[in-house]
């Protein structure tokens, strides 16, 4: 993220991420309560925050970095020196954005599952 982000892009990204997370949460909770016994549904509702948060983080990342996907990013070596005469790579941009999206989802696993599991034990 080396360039300035327009306020409109920030707002669109936020609305898309939060809106999707809310819809996903509502949908999952409704499905759980319709198709499962009340005790099971109530227990599983504790885990709904994880997919909602993960989808919000990945949508936010994708939208915030969508410019990089269309224009590419500069490729640099480990010392920060620009390679390929400053040309931009869409392939590297795609790999970077997708890796960031995946890492945001994976890194949130302990934050959502450990408290949910601990509150059900004992």
Foldseek 3Di string as FASTA:
>chain_A
DPDDDDPVLQVVLQCVLLVQLVVQLVVLLVCLPVPHDPVVSVLCNLQSNLVSQLSSLLSSLCSRLVVCLVQAAFDADPVRHTPPVRHGDNVVSVVVSVVSSVCSSVVCVCVRPVVSVVVVDD
